[in-house]
Amino acid sequence: MSDRYPDTPDGRYFVVRGRLWRKSDPTLDEPTRERLVKELMSARRAVRDAKGDTDAMAKARHLVDDAKVALGERGAPWWEDGAPDYNRHKAKNTPYAEWFANFGK
């Protein structure tokens, strides 16, 4: 990933505006990952198109969540070492704080 959105040293997250975002499961094979990304993009378009329709919006958001869980970006962490999940936490409030404070220096 670019310096604009750096990856944490362990490769579990990338950082946007100081917040950690969980990366996709790196053990997914490429065809599966590509299929899931297409499903996610389709679901995001459905969210966009559902404006004003409460039922359609709920269904579309559910599809987004399903795709993100399948990619490993939400739900149970894809790593198996028991480390906690810091998805959506500010980097400065996590064990990545020192790394982030020194990133790019």
Protein backbone atom coordinates (compact mmCIF):
# COMPACT_ATOMS: atom_id res chain seq x y z
CA MET A 1 0.00 0.00 0.00
CA SER A 2 1.18 3.58 -0.49
CA ASP A 3 2.69 5.82 2.17
CA ARG A 4 -0.58 7.73 2.04
CA TYR A 5 -2.33 4.69 3.51
CA PRO A 6 0.45 2.82 5.27
CA ASP A 7 0.16 -0.80 6.32
CA THR A 8 0.90 -1.69 9.93
CA PRO A 9 4.12 -3.68 10.37
CA ASP A 10 2.15 -6.91 10.89
CA GLY A 11 0.07 -6.32 7.73
CA ARG A 12 -3.27 -6.54 9.51
CA TYR A 13 -4.39 -2.94 8.99
CA PHE A 14 -3.88 0.11 6.85
CA VAL A 15 -4.21 3.61 8.29
CA VAL A 16 -6.43 6.39 6.98
CA ARG A 17 -6.45 9.74 8.82
CA GLY A 18 -5.00 8.05 11.91
CA ARG A 19 -7.58 5.25 12.04
CA LEU A 20 -6.87 1.54 11.59
CA TRP A 21 -8.86 -0.35 8.97
CA ARG A 22 -8.61 -4.12 8.80
CA LYS A 23 -7.19 -5.49 5.57
CA SER A 24 -8.67 -8.39 3.66
CA ASP A 25 -7.64 -11.89 4.61
CA PRO A 26 -4.36 -12.55 2.77
CA THR A 27 -5.07 -16.29 2.65
CA LEU A 28 -7.97 -15.81 0.22
CA ASP A 29 -7.08 -17.10 -3.22
CA GLU A 30 -7.12 -14.48 -5.97
CA PRO A 31 -10.29 -15.66 -7.79
CA THR A 32 -12.22 -15.69 -4.50
CA ARG A 33 -10.91 -12.27 -3.50
CA GLU A 34 -11.81 -10.82 -6.91
CA ARG A 35 -15.33 -12.29 -6.74
CA LEU A 36 -15.88 -10.90 -3.24
CA VAL A 37 -14.60 -7.45 -4.21
CA LYS A 38 -17.04 -7.44 -7.16
CA GLU A 39 -19.85 -8.40 -4.78
CA LEU A 40 -18.81 -5.60 -2.41
CA MET A 41 -18.76 -3.02 -5.20
CA SER A 42 -22.17 -4.19 -6.41
CA ALA A 43 -23.55 -3.95 -2.87
CA ARG A 44 -22.13 -0.44 -2.49
CA ARG A 45 -23.84 0.58 -5.73
CA ALA A 46 -27.07 -0.87 -4.32
CA VAL A 47 -26.65 1.33 -1.23
CA ARG A 48 -26.19 4.36 -3.46
CA ASP A 49 -29.26 3.47 -5.52
CA ALA A 50 -31.45 2.73 -2.48
CA LYS A 51 -31.60 6.32 -1.24
CA GLY A 52 -35.09 6.98 0.08
CA ASP A 53 -36.13 3.31 0.14
CA THR A 54 -35.72 2.03 3.69
CA ASP A 55 -36.18 -1.64 2.86
CA ALA A 56 -33.83 -1.56 -0.13
CA MET A 57 -31.25 0.34 1.93
CA ALA A 58 -31.36 -2.26 4.71
CA LYS A 59 -30.93 -5.10 2.21
CA ALA A 60 -28.08 -3.32 0.44
CA ARG A 61 -26.26 -2.59 3.69
CA HIS A 62 -26.65 -6.22 4.68
CA LEU A 63 -25.03 -7.24 1.38
CA VAL A 64 -22.12 -4.85 2.03
CA ASP A 65 -21.65 -6.34 5.48
CA ASP A 66 -21.78 -9.90 4.11
CA ALA A 67 -19.11 -9.10 1.53
CA LYS A 68 -16.85 -7.39 4.07
CA VAL A 69 -17.17 -10.32 6.48
CA ALA A 70 -16.35 -12.76 3.67
CA LEU A 71 -13.27 -10.67 2.78
CA GLY A 72 -12.17 -10.72 6.43
CA GLU A 73 -12.53 -6.96 6.87
CA ARG A 74 -15.29 -7.39 9.47
CA GLY A 75 -16.37 -10.15 11.81
CA ALA A 76 -13.92 -12.48 13.47
CA PRO A 77 -10.29 -11.55 12.79
CA TRP A 78 -8.59 -13.63 10.11
CA TRP A 79 -5.42 -14.05 12.17
CA GLU A 80 -5.27 -16.93 14.58
CA ASP A 81 -2.76 -15.83 17.22
CA GLY A 82 -5.41 -14.48 19.59
CA ALA A 83 -4.37 -10.84 19.16
CA PRO A 84 -7.25 -8.42 19.66
CA ASP A 85 -8.88 -6.61 16.76
CA TYR A 86 -8.30 -2.85 16.60
CA ASN A 87 -10.37 -2.26 13.47
CA ARG A 88 -11.62 1.34 13.31
CA HIS A 89 -9.61 2.37 16.39
CA LYS A 90 -7.38 5.42 16.36
CA ALA A 91 -3.82 4.15 15.91
CA LYS A 92 -2.65 6.40 18.76
CA ASN A 93 -4.90 4.45 21.16
CA THR A 94 -3.57 1.00 20.23
CA PRO A 95 -0.32 -0.96 20.47
CA TYR A 96 0.51 0.58 17.05
CA ALA A 97 0.80 4.07 18.60
CA GLU A 98 4.60 4.25 18.70
CA TRP A 99 4.94 2.85 15.19
CA PHE A 100 2.40 5.34 13.86
CA ALA A 101 3.94 8.28 15.71
CA ASN A 102 7.29 7.47 14.09
CA PHE A 103 5.93 6.57 10.66
CA GLY A 104 7.62 8.53 7.93
CA LYS A 105 10.28 10.08 10.18
